[in-house]
């Protein structure tokens, strides 16, 4: 995989738990209960659950970002991207792109058909939505006022290489 200079991708270890929480807090996008959910998934990933965490490390082995994905229950090779977070100090460094590319690479090796991302319509998520759209994701659905009044749930999808209807993003 082509990684920007200074980044390497690898697994997370249990001792990274506090740093994962720090990264989530640094983004200033996640509420405490959302951070608790991420940490619950992190803990479950070490006891046989199907959640996969991958990490991006900067030079010197500092954890600067992570992604979490897993299979979507009762589907044919569809996966959810539960979390992708990069320390605010590393935004714009290419770290998020490295993580997303690694998730997609791993899923393509599993012959996954689709990756699904859920995000918010709030204005502080504009850059997040742009990040995914720039990388070939398309809006497949929107649930109005799902999270709160004036905060829609936006579902983005991407068909993965080798899947039927490759490049179609949304299910038609």
C-alpha atoms as a PDB file:
ATOM      1  CA  UNK A   1       0.000   0.000   0.000  1.00  0.00           C
ATOM      2  CA  UNK A   2       1.232   3.513  -0.762  1.00  0.00           C
ATOM      3  CA  UNK A   3       1.335   5.400   2.513  1.00  0.00           C
ATOM      4  CA  UNK A   4       2.284   9.060   2.913  1.00  0.00           C
ATOM      5  CA  UNK A   5       5.777   9.452   4.347  1.00  0.00           C
ATOM      6  CA  UNK A   6       5.851   9.067   8.091  1.00  0.00           C
ATOM      7  CA  UNK A   7       2.748   6.846   8.431  1.00  0.00           C
ATOM      8  CA  UNK A   8       2.506   3.138   8.990  1.00  0.00           C
ATOM      9  CA  UNK A   9      -0.616   1.035   9.427  1.00  0.00           C
ATOM     10  CA  UNK A  10      -0.954  -1.741  11.943  1.00  0.00           C
ATOM     11  CA  UNK A  11      -3.103  -3.274  14.636  1.00  0.00           C
ATOM     12  CA  UNK A  12      -4.180  -1.598  17.827  1.00  0.00           C
ATOM     13  CA  UNK A  13      -3.290  -3.118  21.187  1.00  0.00           C
ATOM     14  CA  UNK A  14      -5.237  -2.975  24.450  1.00  0.00           C
ATOM     15  CA  UNK A  15      -2.813  -0.368  25.777  1.00  0.00           C
ATOM     16  CA  UNK A  16      -3.970   2.049  23.046  1.00  0.00           C
ATOM     17  CA  UNK A  17      -7.430   2.395  24.642  1.00  0.00           C
ATOM     18  CA  UNK A  18      -6.761   5.733  26.365  1.00  0.00           C
ATOM     19  CA  UNK A  19      -5.204   7.162  23.201  1.00  0.00           C
ATOM     20  CA  UNK A  20      -8.232   6.078  21.151  1.00  0.00           C
ATOM     21  CA  UNK A  21     -10.420   8.072  23.547  1.00  0.00           C
ATOM     22  CA  UNK A  22      -8.060  11.075  23.270  1.00  0.00           C
ATOM     23  CA  UNK A  23      -8.232  10.978  19.473  1.00  0.00           C
ATOM     24  CA  UNK A  24     -12.032  10.881  19.517  1.00  0.00           C
ATOM     25  CA  UNK A  25     -12.179  13.805  21.952  1.00  0.00           C
ATOM     26  CA  UNK A  26      -9.684  15.810  19.900  1.00  0.00           C
ATOM     27  CA  UNK A  27     -11.983  15.799  16.870  1.00  0.00           C
ATOM     28  CA  UNK A  28     -14.615  17.690  18.895  1.00  0.00           C
ATOM     29  CA  UNK A  29     -17.344  15.922  16.868  1.00  0.00           C
ATOM     30  CA  UNK A  30     -18.268  13.109  19.235  1.00  0.00           C
ATOM     31  CA  UNK A  31     -20.401  13.260  22.369  1.00  0.00           C
ATOM     32  CA  UNK A  32     -19.296  11.359  25.477  1.00  0.00           C
ATOM     33  CA  UNK A  33     -21.850   8.601  24.847  1.00  0.00           C
ATOM     34  CA  UNK A  34     -20.504   8.127  21.319  1.00  0.00           C
ATOM     35  CA  UNK A  35     -16.971   7.845  22.664  1.00  0.00           C
ATOM     36  CA  UNK A  36     -18.223   5.251  25.163  1.00  0.00           C
ATOM     37  CA  UNK A  37     -19.658   3.205  22.266  1.00  0.00           C
ATOM     38  CA  UNK A  38     -16.354   3.373  20.377  1.00  0.00           C
ATOM     39  CA  UNK A  39     -14.471   2.193  23.460  1.00  0.00           C
ATOM     40  CA  UNK A  40     -16.984  -0.631  23.938  1.00  0.00           C
ATOM     41  CA  UNK A  41     -16.342  -1.802  20.370  1.00  0.00           C
ATOM     42  CA  UNK A  42     -12.607  -1.451  20.973  1.00  0.00           C
ATOM     43  CA  UNK A  43     -12.852  -3.684  24.066  1.00  0.00           C
ATOM     44  CA  UNK A  44     -15.027  -6.216  22.237  1.00  0.00           C
ATOM     45  CA  UNK A  45     -12.531  -6.444  19.374  1.00  0.00           C
ATOM     46  CA  UNK A  46     -10.153  -8.253  21.751  1.00  0.00           C
ATOM     47  CA  UNK A  47     -12.643 -10.939  22.837  1.00  0.00           C
ATOM     48  CA  UNK A  48     -13.612 -12.487  19.534  1.00  0.00           C
ATOM     49  CA  UNK A  49     -16.146  -9.996  18.171  1.00  0.00           C
ATOM     50  CA  UNK A  50     -15.945  -9.262  14.450  1.00  0.00           C
ATOM     51  CA  UNK A  51     -14.971  -5.618  14.877  1.00  0.00           C
ATOM     52  CA  UNK A  52     -11.621  -4.862  13.271  1.00  0.00           C
ATOM     53  CA  UNK A  53      -9.539  -1.911  14.409  1.00  0.00           C
ATOM     54  CA  UNK A  54      -6.566  -0.661  12.434  1.00  0.00           C
ATOM     55  CA  UNK A  55      -4.259   2.153  13.406  1.00  0.00           C
ATOM     56  CA  UNK A  56      -2.163   4.792  11.719  1.00  0.00           C
ATOM     57  CA  UNK A  57       1.114   5.519  13.432  1.00  0.00           C
ATOM     58  CA  UNK A  58       3.315   8.530  12.793  1.00  0.00           C
ATOM     59  CA  UNK A  59       7.087   8.402  12.921  1.00  0.00           C
ATOM     60  CA  UNK A  60       8.143   7.427  16.409  1.00  0.00           C
ATOM     61  CA  UNK A  61       5.187   5.016  16.745  1.00  0.00           C
ATOM     62  CA  UNK A  62       2.714   7.674  17.920  1.00  0.00           C
ATOM     63  CA  UNK A  63      -0.898   6.620  17.329  1.00  0.00           C
ATOM     64  CA  UNK A  64      -2.539   9.409  15.322  1.00  0.00           C
ATOM     65  CA  UNK A  65      -5.664   7.767  13.935  1.00  0.00           C
ATOM     66  CA  UNK A  66      -7.719   4.605  13.738  1.00  0.00           C
ATOM     67  CA  UNK A  67     -10.569   2.968  11.856  1.00  0.00           C
ATOM     68  CA  UNK A  68     -13.066   0.335  12.950  1.00  0.00           C
ATOM     69  CA  UNK A  69     -15.130  -1.796  10.590  1.00  0.00           C
ATOM     70  CA  UNK A  70     -17.064  -5.022  10.623  1.00  0.00           C
ATOM     71  CA  UNK A  71     -19.540  -7.134   8.692  1.00  0.00           C
ATOM     72  CA  UNK A  72     -23.144  -6.010   8.469  1.00  0.00           C
ATOM     73  CA  UNK A  73     -25.376  -8.702   9.921  1.00  0.00           C
ATOM     74  CA  UNK A  74     -27.674 -10.601   7.524  1.00  0.00           C
ATOM     75  CA  UNK A  75     -26.096  -9.218   4.346  1.00  0.00           C
ATOM     76  CA  UNK A  76     -24.087 -10.645   1.475  1.00  0.00           C
ATOM     77  CA  UNK A  77     -20.550  -9.279   2.014  1.00  0.00           C
ATOM     78  CA  UNK A  78     -21.585  -5.790   3.100  1.00  0.00           C
ATOM     79  CA  UNK A  79     -19.501  -4.084   5.785  1.00  0.00           C
ATOM     80  CA  UNK A  80     -19.988  -1.048   7.997  1.00  0.00           C
ATOM     81  CA  UNK A  81     -17.301   1.507   8.733  1.00  0.00           C
ATOM     82  CA  UNK A  82     -18.111   2.258  12.350  1.00  0.00           C
ATOM     83  CA  UNK A  83     -15.370   4.734  13.118  1.00  0.00           C
ATOM     84  CA  UNK A  84     -12.584   6.574  11.440  1.00  0.00           C
ATOM     85  CA  UNK A  85     -10.917   9.228  13.547  1.00  0.00           C
ATOM     86  CA  UNK A  86      -7.701  11.182  13.246  1.00  0.00           C
ATOM     87  CA  UNK A  87      -6.234  13.382  15.943  1.00  0.00           C
ATOM     88  CA  UNK A  88      -7.159  16.976  15.162  1.00  0.00           C
ATOM     89  CA  UNK A  89      -3.458  17.900  15.059  1.00  0.00           C
ATOM     90  CA  UNK A  90      -3.018  15.457  12.151  1.00  0.00           C
ATOM     91  CA  UNK A  91      -6.041  16.570  10.080  1.00  0.00           C
ATOM     92  CA  UNK A  92      -5.037  17.229   6.487  1.00  0.00           C
ATOM     93  CA  UNK A  93      -1.950  15.021   6.764  1.00  0.00           C
ATOM     94  CA  UNK A  94      -3.321  12.149   4.669  1.00  0.00           C
ATOM     95  CA  UNK A  95      -3.791   9.910   7.698  1.00  0.00           C
ATOM     96  CA  UNK A  96      -7.553   9.489   7.141  1.00  0.00           C
ATOM     97  CA  UNK A  97      -6.968   8.606   3.499  1.00  0.00           C
ATOM     98  CA  UNK A  98      -4.386   6.007   4.519  1.00  0.00           C
ATOM     99  CA  UNK A  99      -6.830   4.438   6.974  1.00  0.00           C
ATOM    100  CA  UNK A 100      -9.760   4.377   4.549  1.00  0.00           C
ATOM    101  CA  UNK A 101      -7.602   2.915   1.769  1.00  0.00           C
ATOM    102  CA  UNK A 102      -6.402   0.178   4.127  1.00  0.00           C
ATOM    103  CA  UNK A 103      -9.972  -0.665   5.181  1.00  0.00           C
ATOM    104  CA  UNK A 104     -11.002  -0.901   1.520  1.00  0.00           C
ATOM    105  CA  UNK A 105      -7.917  -2.972   0.652  1.00  0.00           C
ATOM    106  CA  UNK A 106      -8.655  -5.468   3.422  1.00  0.00           C
ATOM    107  CA  UNK A 107     -12.310  -5.714   2.445  1.00  0.00           C
ATOM    108  CA  UNK A 108     -11.480  -6.223  -1.216  1.00  0.00           C
ATOM    109  CA  UNK A 109      -9.212  -9.108  -0.162  1.00  0.00           C
ATOM    110  CA  UNK A 110     -12.299 -10.593   1.541  1.00  0.00           C
ATOM    111  CA  UNK A 111     -14.328 -10.071  -1.662  1.00  0.00           C
ATOM    112  CA  UNK A 112     -16.607  -7.640   0.151  1.00  0.00           C
ATOM    113  CA  UNK A 113     -19.235  -6.032  -2.052  1.00  0.00           C
ATOM    114  CA  UNK A 114     -19.935  -2.758  -0.296  1.00  0.00           C
ATOM    115  CA  UNK A 115     -18.805  -0.480   2.497  1.00  0.00           C
ATOM    116  CA  UNK A 116     -21.454   1.600   4.303  1.00  0.00           C
ATOM    117  CA  UNK A 117     -20.732   4.799   6.221  1.00  0.00           C
ATOM    118  CA  UNK A 118     -23.232   6.684   8.373  1.00  0.00           C
ATOM    119  CA  UNK A 119     -22.689  10.318   9.235  1.00  0.00           C
ATOM    120  CA  UNK A 120     -24.485  13.440  10.344  1.00  0.00           C
ATOM    121  CA  UNK A 121     -25.893  16.301   8.293  1.00  0.00           C
ATOM    122  CA  UNK A 122     -24.684  18.868  10.847  1.00  0.00           C
ATOM    123  CA  UNK A 123     -22.482  21.631   9.479  1.00  0.00           C
ATOM    124  CA  UNK A 124     -19.526  20.470  11.591  1.00  0.00           C
ATOM    125  CA  UNK A 125     -19.602  17.239   9.530  1.00  0.00           C
ATOM    126  CA  UNK A 126     -19.289  19.028   6.166  1.00  0.00           C
ATOM    127  CA  UNK A 127     -15.592  18.142   5.867  1.00  0.00           C
ATOM    128  CA  UNK A 128     -16.331  14.538   6.852  1.00  0.00           C
ATOM    129  CA  UNK A 129     -18.967  14.161   4.140  1.00  0.00           C
ATOM    130  CA  UNK A 130     -16.620  15.797   1.617  1.00  0.00           C
ATOM    131  CA  UNK A 131     -13.865  13.360   2.601  1.00  0.00           C
ATOM    132  CA  UNK A 132     -16.017  10.362   1.662  1.00  0.00           C
ATOM    133  CA  UNK A 133     -17.563  11.904  -1.454  1.00  0.00           C
ATOM    134  CA  UNK A 134     -14.091  12.742  -2.768  1.00  0.00           C
ATOM    135  CA  UNK A 135     -13.172   9.060  -2.391  1.00  0.00           C
ATOM    136  CA  UNK A 136     -16.051   7.671  -4.428  1.00  0.00           C
ATOM    137  CA  UNK A 137     -18.794   7.293  -1.826  1.00  0.00           C
ATOM    138  CA  UNK A 138     -22.312   8.342  -2.749  1.00  0.00           C
ATOM    139  CA  UNK A 139     -25.290   9.308  -0.648  1.00  0.00           C
ATOM    140  CA  UNK A 140     -27.562   6.269  -0.686  1.00  0.00           C
ATOM    141  CA  UNK A 141     -30.107   7.427   1.890  1.00  0.00           C
ATOM    142  CA  UNK A 142     -31.021  10.202   4.255  1.00  0.00           C
ATOM    143  CA  UNK A 143     -33.217   9.889   7.312  1.00  0.00           C
ATOM    144  CA  UNK A 144     -34.515  13.321   8.187  1.00  0.00           C
ATOM    145  CA  UNK A 145     -34.016  14.487  11.785  1.00  0.00           C
ATOM    146  CA  UNK A 146     -32.756  11.038  12.843  1.00  0.00           C
ATOM    147  CA  UNK A 147     -30.194  12.137  15.442  1.00  0.00           C
ATOM    148  CA  UNK A 148     -31.996  15.295  16.550  1.00  0.00           C
ATOM    149  CA  UNK A 149     -34.092  18.086  15.057  1.00  0.00           C
ATOM    150  CA  UNK A 150     -32.258  19.389  11.993  1.00  0.00           C
ATOM    151  CA  UNK A 151     -29.672  16.585  12.216  1.00  0.00           C
ATOM    152  CA  UNK A 152     -30.199  13.980   9.499  1.00  0.00           C
ATOM    153  CA  UNK A 153     -28.584  10.567   9.294  1.00  0.00           C
ATOM    154  CA  UNK A 154     -26.741  10.362   5.969  1.00  0.00           C
ATOM    155  CA  UNK A 155     -25.827   6.928   4.671  1.00  0.00           C
ATOM    156  CA  UNK A 156     -22.982   6.811   2.160  1.00  0.00           C
ATOM    157  CA  UNK A 157     -21.971   3.686   0.259  1.00  0.00           C
ATOM    158  CA  UNK A 158     -19.216   2.513  -2.017  1.00  0.00           C
ATOM    159  CA  UNK A 159     -19.138  -0.611  -4.153  1.00  0.00           C
ATOM    160  CA  UNK A 160     -15.761  -2.261  -3.770  1.00  0.00           C
ATOM    161  CA  UNK A 161     -13.507  -3.467  -6.577  1.00  0.00           C
ATOM    162  CA  UNK A 162     -14.557  -6.760  -8.056  1.00  0.00           C
ATOM    163  CA  UNK A 163     -18.114  -6.541  -6.769  1.00  0.00           C
ATOM    164  CA  UNK A 164     -21.072  -6.725  -9.138  1.00  0.00           C
ATOM    165  CA  UNK A 165     -22.011  -3.252 -10.383  1.00  0.00           C
ATOM    166  CA  UNK A 166     -18.628  -1.932  -9.263  1.00  0.00           C
ATOM    167  CA  UNK A 167     -18.598   1.836  -8.976  1.00  0.00           C
ATOM    168  CA  UNK A 168     -22.324   2.139  -8.354  1.00  0.00           C
ATOM    169  CA  UNK A 169     -22.102   3.344  -4.746  1.00  0.00           C
ATOM    170  CA  UNK A 170     -25.787   3.101  -3.895  1.00  0.00           C
ATOM    171  CA  UNK A 171     -28.059   0.135  -4.346  1.00  0.00           C
ATOM    172  CA  UNK A 172     -30.385   0.790  -7.272  1.00  0.00           C
END
